[in-house]
N, C-alpha and C. Protein backbone atom coordinates (compact mmCIF):
# COMPACT_ATOMS: atom_id res chain seq x y z
N MET A 1 -167.65 80.81 63.50
CA MET A 1 -168.02 81.14 62.30
C MET A 1 -168.42 79.73 61.70
N ALA A 2 -169.29 79.84 60.49
CA ALA A 2 -169.66 78.78 59.97
C ALA A 2 -168.78 78.73 58.77
N PRO A 3 -168.64 77.24 58.52
CA PRO A 3 -167.46 76.99 57.25
C PRO A 3 -168.28 77.66 55.90
N VAL A 4 -167.14 77.95 55.37
CA VAL A 4 -167.64 78.52 54.04
C VAL A 4 -167.39 77.50 52.87
N THR A 5 -168.46 77.37 52.19
CA THR A 5 -168.28 76.56 50.99
C THR A 5 -167.78 77.30 49.94
N THR A 6 -166.92 76.52 49.06
CA THR A 6 -166.40 77.24 48.11
C THR A 6 -167.05 76.82 46.79
N GLY A 7 -167.66 75.51 46.77
CA GLY A 7 -168.11 75.12 45.29
C GLY A 7 -169.62 74.77 45.56
N ILE A 8 -170.01 74.63 44.47
CA ILE A 8 -171.52 74.19 44.37
C ILE A 8 -171.58 72.83 43.84
N ASN A 9 -172.07 71.81 44.43
CA ASN A 9 -172.32 70.65 43.98
C ASN A 9 -173.68 70.34 43.00
N LEU A 10 -173.72 70.29 41.76
CA LEU A 10 -174.82 70.04 40.97
C LEU A 10 -175.11 68.72 40.82
N ILE A 11 -174.47 67.74 41.28
CA ILE A 11 -174.69 66.40 41.06
C ILE A 11 -175.75 65.99 42.23
N ARG A 12 -176.83 65.37 42.09
CA ARG A 12 -177.77 64.76 43.10
C ARG A 12 -176.77 63.70 43.98
N THR A 13 -176.98 63.90 45.20
CA THR A 13 -176.39 62.86 46.03
C THR A 13 -177.31 61.50 45.97
N LYS A 14 -178.29 61.75 45.82
CA LYS A 14 -179.31 60.46 45.50
C LYS A 14 -180.19 60.72 44.25
N THR A 15 -180.24 59.72 43.67
CA THR A 15 -181.02 59.84 42.20
C THR A 15 -182.07 58.94 42.61
N GLY A 16 -183.18 59.30 42.03
CA GLY A 16 -184.30 58.59 42.02
C GLY A 16 -184.47 57.49 41.15
N ILE A 17 -184.71 56.28 41.19
CA ILE A 17 -185.03 55.22 40.28
C ILE A 17 -186.39 55.14 39.77
N SER A 18 -186.57 55.09 38.50
CA SER A 18 -187.96 55.22 38.11
C SER A 18 -188.69 53.97 38.13
N PRO A 19 -189.77 53.98 38.28
CA PRO A 19 -190.65 52.82 38.48
C PRO A 19 -190.47 51.61 37.36
N GLN A 20 -190.02 51.97 36.11
CA GLN A 20 -189.53 50.87 35.19
C GLN A 20 -188.34 50.27 35.42
N LEU A 21 -187.44 50.88 36.15
CA LEU A 21 -186.11 50.40 36.42
C LEU A 21 -186.32 49.53 37.73
N THR A 22 -187.22 49.92 38.47
CA THR A 22 -187.55 48.97 39.67
C THR A 22 -188.13 47.74 39.26
N ALA A 23 -188.96 47.67 38.35
CA ALA A 23 -189.70 46.51 38.03
C ALA A 23 -188.61 45.62 37.24
N ILE A 24 -187.82 46.26 36.27
CA ILE A 24 -186.87 45.38 35.68
C ILE A 24 -185.86 45.01 36.65
N GLU A 25 -185.61 45.43 37.72
CA GLU A 25 -184.66 44.98 38.76
C GLU A 25 -185.19 43.85 39.51
N GLN A 26 -186.35 44.03 39.91
CA GLN A 26 -187.23 42.96 40.63
C GLN A 26 -187.24 41.71 39.79
N SER A 27 -187.56 42.03 38.51
CA SER A 27 -187.81 40.67 37.68
C SER A 27 -186.55 40.18 37.09
N LEU A 28 -185.19 41.06 37.24
CA LEU A 28 -184.08 40.39 37.05
C LEU A 28 -183.65 39.61 38.41
N ARG A 29 -183.95 39.95 39.50
CA ARG A 29 -183.64 39.21 40.79
C ARG A 29 -184.40 37.99 40.83
N ARG A 30 -185.96 38.07 40.60
CA ARG A 30 -186.64 36.96 40.40
C ARG A 30 -186.27 35.88 39.42
N SER A 31 -185.66 36.38 38.34
CA SER A 31 -185.15 35.58 37.40
C SER A 31 -184.00 34.70 37.85
N ALA A 32 -183.07 35.53 38.58
CA ALA A 32 -181.85 35.05 39.19
C ALA A 32 -182.01 34.00 40.26
N TYR A 33 -183.14 34.26 41.29
CA TYR A 33 -183.64 33.07 42.04
C TYR A 33 -183.94 31.98 41.41
N ILE A 34 -184.78 32.19 40.37
CA ILE A 34 -185.30 31.05 39.42
C ILE A 34 -184.07 30.31 38.90
N GLY A 35 -183.41 31.05 38.50
CA GLY A 35 -182.28 30.46 37.69
C GLY A 35 -181.34 29.50 38.50
N ILE A 36 -181.08 30.11 39.86
CA ILE A 36 -180.21 29.38 40.84
C ILE A 36 -181.12 28.14 41.25
N GLY A 37 -182.36 28.34 41.46
CA GLY A 37 -183.15 27.40 41.98
C GLY A 37 -183.22 26.01 40.89
N VAL A 38 -183.38 26.46 39.50
CA VAL A 38 -183.52 25.42 38.47
C VAL A 38 -181.95 24.80 38.52
N PHE A 39 -180.92 25.55 38.54
CA PHE A 39 -179.71 25.17 38.64
C PHE A 39 -179.41 24.24 39.71
N LEU A 40 -179.84 24.52 40.82
CA LEU A 40 -179.67 23.63 42.10
C LEU A 40 -180.24 22.33 41.97
N CYS A 41 -181.94 22.20 41.23
CA CYS A 41 -182.62 21.27 41.07
C CYS A 41 -181.91 20.37 40.13
N VAL A 42 -181.47 20.77 38.99
CA VAL A 42 -180.79 20.09 37.91
C VAL A 42 -179.64 19.40 38.50
N GLY A 43 -178.70 20.09 39.21
CA GLY A 43 -177.52 19.55 39.85
C GLY A 43 -177.91 18.32 40.83
N ILE A 44 -179.01 18.55 41.56
CA ILE A 44 -179.37 17.65 42.54
C ILE A 44 -179.85 16.37 41.68
N ILE A 45 -180.71 16.48 40.56
CA ILE A 45 -180.93 15.55 39.80
C ILE A 45 -179.93 14.64 38.98
N VAL A 46 -179.09 15.45 38.51
CA VAL A 46 -177.80 14.90 37.91
C VAL A 46 -176.98 14.26 39.03
N ALA A 47 -176.85 14.53 40.38
CA ALA A 47 -176.15 13.91 41.37
C ALA A 47 -176.89 12.70 41.56
N VAL A 48 -178.22 12.31 41.67
CA VAL A 48 -178.99 11.54 42.13
C VAL A 48 -178.90 10.33 40.92
N VAL A 49 -178.78 10.76 39.61
CA VAL A 49 -178.87 9.99 38.48
C VAL A 49 -177.46 9.33 38.59
N TYR A 50 -176.20 10.24 38.64
CA TYR A 50 -174.97 9.63 38.63
C TYR A 50 -174.73 8.58 39.91
N VAL A 51 -175.29 8.80 41.07
CA VAL A 51 -175.15 7.88 42.09
C VAL A 51 -175.93 6.49 41.64
N LEU A 52 -177.19 6.67 41.08
CA LEU A 52 -177.92 5.48 40.73
C LEU A 52 -177.05 4.77 39.60
N PHE A 53 -176.70 5.31 38.55
CA PHE A 53 -175.71 4.65 37.66
C PHE A 53 -174.59 4.22 37.98
N SER A 54 -173.79 4.79 38.93
CA SER A 54 -172.55 4.22 39.48
C SER A 54 -172.93 2.91 40.37
N GLN A 55 -173.94 2.98 41.07
CA GLN A 55 -174.32 1.78 41.80
C GLN A 55 -174.62 0.81 40.95
N GLU A 56 -175.32 0.90 39.77
CA GLU A 56 -175.95 -0.09 38.68
C GLU A 56 -174.66 -0.66 38.05
N ARG A 57 -173.66 0.21 37.92
CA ARG A 57 -172.23 -0.26 37.28
C ARG A 57 -171.54 -1.13 38.04
N THR A 58 -171.49 -0.71 39.53
CA THR A 58 -170.77 -1.58 40.42
C THR A 58 -171.41 -2.94 40.52
N GLN A 59 -172.83 -2.99 40.34
CA GLN A 59 -173.40 -4.19 40.53
C GLN A 59 -173.34 -4.95 39.45
N LEU A 60 -173.22 -4.26 38.29
CA LEU A 60 -173.12 -5.24 36.83
C LEU A 60 -171.72 -5.71 36.89
N ALA A 61 -170.80 -4.88 37.35
CA ALA A 61 -169.31 -5.34 37.41
C ALA A 61 -169.04 -6.53 38.50
N GLY A 62 -169.68 -6.63 39.55
CA GLY A 62 -169.73 -7.51 40.36
C GLY A 62 -170.40 -8.77 39.70
N ARG A 63 -171.46 -8.56 38.93
CA ARG A 63 -172.26 -9.69 38.28
C ARG A 63 -171.35 -10.38 37.15
N GLN A 64 -170.82 -9.27 36.50
CA GLN A 64 -169.87 -9.80 35.51
C GLN A 64 -168.69 -10.64 36.19
N GLN A 65 -168.13 -10.29 37.12
CA GLN A 65 -167.09 -11.15 37.92
C GLN A 65 -167.48 -12.51 38.17
N SER A 66 -168.64 -12.53 38.62
CA SER A 66 -169.20 -13.72 39.20
C SER A 66 -169.52 -14.66 38.00
N LEU A 67 -169.93 -14.09 36.76
CA LEU A 67 -170.30 -14.93 35.69
C LEU A 67 -169.08 -15.38 35.11
N ILE A 68 -167.86 -14.63 35.06
CA ILE A 68 -166.61 -15.04 34.46
C ILE A 68 -166.02 -15.99 35.40
N GLN A 69 -166.29 -15.92 36.80
CA GLN A 69 -165.90 -17.18 37.56
C GLN A 69 -166.62 -18.43 37.26
N GLN A 70 -167.86 -18.41 37.07
CA GLN A 70 -168.71 -19.59 36.76
C GLN A 70 -168.17 -20.17 35.47
N VAL A 71 -167.94 -19.11 34.51
CA VAL A 71 -167.60 -19.69 33.07
C VAL A 71 -166.28 -20.46 33.25
N THR A 72 -165.31 -19.71 33.99
CA THR A 72 -163.87 -20.28 34.34
C THR A 72 -163.98 -21.80 34.83
N GLY A 73 -164.84 -21.82 35.96
CA GLY A 73 -165.26 -23.05 36.84
C GLY A 73 -165.86 -24.12 35.85
N ASN A 74 -166.83 -23.67 34.99
CA ASN A 74 -167.33 -24.63 34.16
C ASN A 74 -166.52 -25.17 32.71
N ALA A 75 -165.31 -24.41 32.72
CA ALA A 75 -164.53 -24.91 31.40
C ALA A 75 -164.06 -26.15 31.36
N GLN A 76 -163.47 -26.70 32.75
CA GLN A 76 -162.81 -27.99 32.69
C GLN A 76 -164.31 -28.92 32.51
N ARG A 77 -165.49 -28.72 33.28
CA ARG A 77 -166.40 -29.55 33.12
C ARG A 77 -166.89 -29.69 31.77
N GLU A 78 -167.02 -28.57 30.92
CA GLU A 78 -167.41 -28.32 29.58
C GLU A 78 -166.36 -29.13 28.72
N ALA A 79 -164.97 -29.14 28.94
CA ALA A 79 -163.84 -30.02 28.21
C ALA A 79 -164.24 -31.41 28.45
N MET A 80 -164.50 -31.76 29.71
CA MET A 80 -164.94 -33.30 30.10
C MET A 80 -166.05 -33.83 29.03
N TYR A 81 -167.01 -32.80 28.99
CA TYR A 81 -168.35 -33.07 28.32
C TYR A 81 -168.01 -33.25 26.76
N VAL A 82 -167.12 -32.60 26.47
CA VAL A 82 -166.71 -32.62 25.01
C VAL A 82 -165.94 -33.89 24.73
N ALA A 83 -165.18 -34.07 25.46
CA ALA A 83 -164.15 -35.42 25.57
C ALA A 83 -165.06 -36.62 25.63
N ILE A 84 -166.05 -36.66 26.32
CA ILE A 84 -166.98 -37.69 26.79
C ILE A 84 -167.89 -37.97 25.43
N LYS A 85 -168.19 -36.66 24.84
CA LYS A 85 -168.97 -36.60 23.46
C LYS A 85 -168.42 -37.21 22.45
N SER A 86 -167.24 -37.01 22.12
CA SER A 86 -166.17 -37.61 21.29
C SER A 86 -165.94 -38.98 21.26
N ARG A 87 -165.85 -39.32 22.58
CA ARG A 87 -165.57 -40.80 23.03
C ARG A 87 -166.90 -41.65 22.68
N VAL A 88 -168.12 -41.07 22.73
CA VAL A 88 -169.31 -41.76 22.84
C VAL A 88 -169.50 -42.12 21.24
N ARG A 89 -169.18 -41.14 20.39
CA ARG A 89 -169.12 -41.69 19.11
C ARG A 89 -168.35 -42.70 18.47
N ILE A 90 -167.23 -42.60 19.03
CA ILE A 90 -166.09 -43.93 18.81
C ILE A 90 -166.69 -44.99 19.51
N VAL A 91 -167.24 -45.07 20.59
CA VAL A 91 -167.72 -46.26 21.25
C VAL A 91 -168.96 -46.71 20.41
N LYS A 92 -169.85 -45.75 20.13
CA LYS A 92 -170.93 -46.19 19.13
C LYS A 92 -170.58 -46.79 17.86
N SER A 93 -169.45 -46.34 17.18
CA SER A 93 -169.03 -46.80 16.09
C SER A 93 -168.69 -48.21 16.11
N ALA A 94 -167.82 -48.30 17.40
CA ALA A 94 -167.27 -49.71 17.75
C ALA A 94 -168.50 -50.75 17.95
N ILE A 95 -169.37 -50.26 18.64
CA ILE A 95 -170.45 -51.23 18.89
C ILE A 95 -171.20 -51.72 17.83
N GLN A 96 -171.26 -50.56 16.82
CA GLN A 96 -172.14 -50.99 15.59
C GLN A 96 -171.46 -51.85 14.69
N ASN A 97 -170.06 -51.60 14.80
CA ASN A 97 -169.34 -52.65 14.03
C ASN A 97 -168.94 -53.74 14.59
N GLN A 98 -169.09 -54.08 15.71
CA GLN A 98 -168.89 -55.05 16.39
C GLN A 98 -169.34 -56.50 16.02
N LYS A 99 -168.50 -57.43 15.89
CA LYS A 99 -168.93 -58.67 15.09
C LYS A 99 -169.12 -59.72 16.17
N PRO A 100 -169.82 -60.82 16.11
CA PRO A 100 -170.22 -61.86 17.03
C PRO A 100 -169.27 -62.85 16.90
N TRP A 101 -167.93 -62.56 17.72
CA TRP A 101 -166.88 -63.32 17.66
C TRP A 101 -167.01 -64.54 18.34
N SER A 102 -167.79 -64.61 19.45
CA SER A 102 -168.18 -65.70 20.26
C SER A 102 -168.77 -66.83 19.51
N LYS A 103 -169.83 -66.51 18.51
CA LYS A 103 -170.07 -67.35 17.51
C LYS A 103 -169.08 -68.03 16.63
N LEU A 104 -168.12 -67.13 16.12
CA LEU A 104 -166.92 -67.70 15.32
C LEU A 104 -166.11 -68.81 16.25
N LEU A 105 -165.91 -68.34 17.54
CA LEU A 105 -165.16 -69.34 18.33
C LEU A 105 -165.91 -70.54 18.57
N ASP A 106 -167.23 -70.70 18.75
CA ASP A 106 -167.79 -71.77 18.92
C ASP A 106 -167.84 -72.70 17.61
N ARG A 107 -167.75 -72.07 16.62
CA ARG A 107 -167.84 -72.48 15.30
C ARG A 107 -166.66 -73.26 14.92
N VAL A 108 -165.48 -72.59 15.55
CA VAL A 108 -164.03 -73.06 15.28
C VAL A 108 -164.02 -74.31 16.19
N GLN A 109 -164.54 -74.33 17.51
CA GLN A 109 -164.27 -75.02 18.48
C GLN A 109 -165.06 -76.44 17.96
N SER A 110 -165.93 -76.55 17.07
CA SER A 110 -166.76 -77.45 16.53
C SER A 110 -166.10 -78.37 15.52
N PHE A 111 -164.93 -77.87 15.07
CA PHE A 111 -164.23 -78.70 13.88
C PHE A 111 -162.66 -78.67 14.59
N VAL A 112 -162.34 -78.19 15.75
CA VAL A 112 -160.95 -78.07 15.96
C VAL A 112 -161.10 -78.35 17.71
N ASN A 113 -160.41 -79.54 17.92
CA ASN A 113 -160.21 -79.77 19.52
C ASN A 113 -159.61 -78.61 20.32
N PRO A 114 -160.06 -78.10 21.18
CA PRO A 114 -159.66 -77.10 21.91
C PRO A 114 -158.25 -77.37 22.38
N ALA A 115 -157.84 -78.36 22.89
CA ALA A 115 -156.56 -78.95 23.19
C ALA A 115 -155.58 -78.80 22.11
N ASP A 116 -155.89 -78.97 20.93
CA ASP A 116 -155.06 -78.83 19.78
C ASP A 116 -154.87 -77.36 19.39
N LEU A 117 -155.80 -76.39 19.63
CA LEU A 117 -155.81 -75.20 19.01
C LEU A 117 -154.57 -74.39 19.97
N THR A 118 -153.77 -74.26 19.33
CA THR A 118 -152.49 -73.13 20.10
C THR A 118 -152.67 -71.82 19.86
N ASP A 119 -153.27 -71.17 18.80
CA ASP A 119 -153.19 -69.87 18.83
C ASP A 119 -154.52 -69.35 17.75
N ILE A 120 -155.20 -68.43 17.80
CA ILE A 120 -156.29 -67.78 16.93
C ILE A 120 -156.14 -66.14 17.09
N MET A 121 -155.90 -65.63 15.73
CA MET A 121 -155.69 -64.15 15.47
C MET A 121 -156.62 -63.76 14.41
N VAL A 122 -156.82 -62.40 14.58
CA VAL A 122 -157.55 -61.63 13.75
C VAL A 122 -156.81 -60.55 13.26
N ASP A 123 -156.67 -60.24 11.88
CA ASP A 123 -155.96 -59.05 11.44
C ASP A 123 -156.95 -57.92 11.14
N ASP A 124 -156.27 -56.92 10.57
CA ASP A 124 -156.93 -55.56 10.38
C ASP A 124 -158.13 -55.81 9.38
N GLN A 125 -157.78 -56.64 8.42
CA GLN A 125 -158.98 -56.80 7.35
C GLN A 125 -160.03 -58.01 7.91
N GLY A 126 -159.76 -58.45 8.97
CA GLY A 126 -160.88 -59.44 9.53
C GLY A 126 -160.54 -60.88 9.16
N ARG A 127 -159.44 -60.99 8.79
CA ARG A 127 -158.89 -62.55 8.12
C ARG A 127 -158.41 -63.22 9.61
N ILE A 128 -158.88 -64.32 9.78
CA ILE A 128 -158.74 -65.09 10.78
C ILE A 128 -157.69 -66.06 10.69
N SER A 129 -156.85 -66.38 11.80
CA SER A 129 -155.61 -67.26 11.44
C SER A 129 -155.88 -68.26 12.60
N ILE A 130 -155.87 -69.68 12.70
CA ILE A 130 -155.80 -70.42 13.75
C ILE A 130 -154.48 -71.24 13.38
N SER A 131 -153.78 -71.71 14.46
CA SER A 131 -152.77 -72.43 14.54
C SER A 131 -153.03 -73.71 15.40
N ILE A 132 -152.64 -74.93 14.94
CA ILE A 132 -153.06 -76.10 15.59
C ILE A 132 -151.85 -76.89 15.76
N LYS A 133 -151.70 -77.77 16.60
CA LYS A 133 -150.69 -78.61 16.90
C LYS A 133 -151.33 -80.03 17.31
N THR A 134 -151.32 -80.81 16.51
CA THR A 134 -151.91 -82.33 16.86
C THR A 134 -150.50 -83.39 16.71
N ASN A 135 -151.23 -84.58 17.23
CA ASN A 135 -150.23 -85.72 16.88
C ASN A 135 -150.47 -86.61 15.79
N SER A 136 -151.51 -86.24 14.97
CA SER A 136 -151.73 -87.05 13.76
C SER A 136 -152.05 -86.34 12.78
N LEU A 137 -151.97 -86.75 11.32
CA LEU A 137 -152.32 -86.08 10.38
C LEU A 137 -153.78 -86.36 10.12
N GLU A 138 -154.43 -87.32 10.58
CA GLU A 138 -155.67 -87.60 10.55
C GLU A 138 -156.74 -86.53 11.11
N SER A 139 -156.17 -85.96 12.17
CA SER A 139 -157.01 -84.90 12.85
C SER A 139 -156.69 -83.51 12.21
N LEU A 140 -155.66 -83.29 11.41
CA LEU A 140 -155.20 -82.05 10.81
C LEU A 140 -156.14 -82.22 9.55
N GLY A 141 -156.29 -83.43 9.01
CA GLY A 141 -157.29 -83.58 7.70
C GLY A 141 -158.62 -83.52 7.98
N ASN A 142 -159.09 -83.74 9.45
CA ASN A 142 -160.33 -83.67 9.67
C ASN A 142 -160.71 -81.90 9.68
N VAL A 143 -159.63 -81.29 10.22
CA VAL A 143 -159.99 -79.99 10.51
C VAL A 143 -160.01 -79.18 8.87
N ALA A 144 -159.13 -79.74 8.18
CA ALA A 144 -159.15 -79.08 6.67
C ALA A 144 -160.49 -79.30 6.12
N GLN A 145 -160.97 -80.58 6.24
CA GLN A 145 -162.18 -81.10 5.72
C GLN A 145 -163.35 -80.37 6.20
N ALA A 146 -163.37 -80.01 7.66
CA ALA A 146 -164.34 -79.26 8.18
C ALA A 146 -164.47 -77.81 7.66
N LEU A 147 -163.07 -77.04 7.34
CA LEU A 147 -163.11 -75.75 6.88
C LEU A 147 -163.71 -75.85 5.44
N ILE A 148 -163.30 -76.79 4.64
CA ILE A 148 -163.89 -76.46 3.19
C ILE A 148 -165.40 -77.01 3.41
N ASP A 149 -166.14 -77.73 4.43
CA ASP A 149 -167.41 -77.92 4.47
C ASP A 149 -168.11 -76.59 4.92
N GLU A 150 -167.42 -75.64 5.79
CA GLU A 150 -168.01 -74.42 6.25
C GLU A 150 -167.64 -73.63 5.00
N ALA A 151 -166.87 -73.78 4.27
CA ALA A 151 -166.86 -72.81 2.81
C ALA A 151 -167.75 -73.03 2.09
N LYS A 152 -168.14 -74.37 1.79
CA LYS A 152 -169.43 -74.70 0.89
C LYS A 152 -171.03 -74.22 1.55
N ALA A 153 -170.80 -74.35 2.97
CA ALA A 153 -171.87 -73.80 3.59
C ALA A 153 -172.07 -72.29 3.74
N LYS A 154 -170.94 -71.48 3.13
CA LYS A 154 -170.76 -70.00 2.88
C LYS A 154 -170.71 -69.47 4.31
N GLN A 155 -170.08 -70.42 5.64
CA GLN A 155 -169.87 -69.85 6.77
C GLN A 155 -168.54 -69.15 6.83
N VAL A 156 -167.60 -69.58 6.02
CA VAL A 156 -166.17 -68.94 5.90
C VAL A 156 -165.97 -68.68 4.43
N VAL A 157 -165.11 -67.88 4.24
CA VAL A 157 -164.72 -67.48 2.95
C VAL A 157 -163.27 -67.62 2.68
N ASN A 158 -162.71 -68.33 1.48
CA ASN A 158 -161.32 -68.31 1.23
C ASN A 158 -160.46 -69.07 2.07
N PRO A 159 -160.78 -70.32 2.77
CA PRO A 159 -160.00 -71.00 3.66
C PRO A 159 -158.63 -71.23 2.80
N GLN A 160 -157.40 -71.22 3.53
CA GLN A 160 -156.20 -71.27 3.12
C GLN A 160 -155.34 -72.15 4.10
N LEU A 161 -154.43 -73.24 3.62
CA LEU A 161 -153.65 -73.49 4.64
C LEU A 161 -152.24 -72.71 4.58
N SER A 162 -151.94 -72.02 5.65
CA SER A 162 -151.02 -71.14 5.67
C SER A 162 -149.54 -71.71 5.83
N SER A 163 -149.40 -72.68 6.77
CA SER A 163 -148.25 -73.36 7.30
C SER A 163 -148.54 -74.89 7.44
N PHE A 164 -147.57 -75.46 7.18
CA PHE A 164 -147.54 -77.13 7.78
C PHE A 164 -146.19 -77.49 7.96
N SER A 165 -146.12 -78.36 9.34
CA SER A 165 -144.77 -78.74 9.60
C SER A 165 -144.99 -80.25 10.23
N ILE A 166 -144.20 -81.01 10.19
CA ILE A 166 -144.04 -82.23 11.07
C ILE A 166 -142.77 -82.24 11.63
N GLY A 167 -142.93 -82.26 13.22
CA GLY A 167 -141.87 -82.54 14.13
C GLY A 167 -141.17 -84.10 13.93
N SER A 168 -140.15 -83.82 14.58
CA SER A 168 -139.27 -85.16 14.58
C SER A 168 -140.13 -86.28 15.42
N SER A 169 -140.68 -85.68 16.54
CA SER A 169 -141.72 -86.49 17.53
C SER A 169 -143.09 -87.12 16.88
N GLY A 170 -143.07 -86.42 15.63
CA GLY A 170 -144.60 -86.76 15.01
C GLY A 170 -145.73 -85.75 15.05
N THR A 171 -145.20 -84.74 16.01
CA THR A 171 -146.21 -83.77 16.19
C THR A 171 -146.47 -82.74 14.77
N VAL A 172 -147.79 -82.66 14.56
CA VAL A 172 -148.01 -81.91 13.24
C VAL A 172 -148.36 -80.46 13.51
N GLN A 173 -147.98 -79.60 13.11
CA GLN A 173 -148.22 -78.12 13.45
C GLN A 173 -148.72 -77.64 11.97
N SER A 174 -149.80 -76.68 12.02
CA SER A 174 -150.30 -76.19 10.79
C SER A 174 -150.91 -74.86 11.37
N SER A 175 -151.09 -74.12 10.38
CA SER A 175 -151.94 -72.70 10.26
C SER A 175 -152.96 -72.79 9.17
N PHE A 176 -154.26 -72.17 9.47
CA PHE A 176 -155.24 -72.05 8.62
C PHE A 176 -155.57 -70.56 8.70
N SER A 177 -155.97 -70.00 7.49
CA SER A 177 -156.69 -68.67 7.51
C SER A 177 -157.88 -68.57 6.74
N PHE A 178 -158.76 -67.91 6.98
CA PHE A 178 -159.97 -67.68 6.35
C PHE A 178 -160.63 -66.35 7.02
N LEU A 179 -161.74 -65.96 6.20
CA LEU A 179 -162.57 -64.89 6.20
C LEU A 179 -163.82 -65.43 6.79
N ALA A 180 -164.41 -64.95 7.96
CA ALA A 180 -165.73 -65.56 8.42
C ALA A 180 -166.81 -64.47 7.92
N VAL A 181 -167.95 -65.36 7.75
CA VAL A 181 -169.00 -64.51 7.46
C VAL A 181 -170.10 -64.45 8.62
N PHE A 182 -170.26 -63.28 9.03
CA PHE A 182 -171.10 -63.11 10.28
C PHE A 182 -172.62 -62.60 9.80
């Protein structure tokens, strides 16, 4: 015998899809494929840009390190240049303010016998002091007269006898000071 069904099924087991729903479904599938394709393309572009930027950053970091090393290496050289520059100014000033002392020494030698000259000094103000040791008062008088003549010729200014002494053996020691005109 055949099975007996006790109930009636009024719901269709297969429902038909309307053509409008089919078109919408195909449109949604196409949009999903396009969306996935766009998402993948954008992802690939972002990945490529990220890789390029990270390589550029790595190169710039390496260049920055090499430049820092160059600056560090040149710091000592620059310090030496700065020191030399400041010293050049001092030397330039010294050269500009240098006085022809050789002419002064020649002038002193013209009125003082080099054997009698014991000391010559120049102080901070440019005052010259000469010390003389002779065996006679006459040679000392000649030196004093020569200094007076130099003052009249305006080769020296304000000559002064600073000290004078006569030893027991007859030696005469004296010192003169004056300002030289250059």
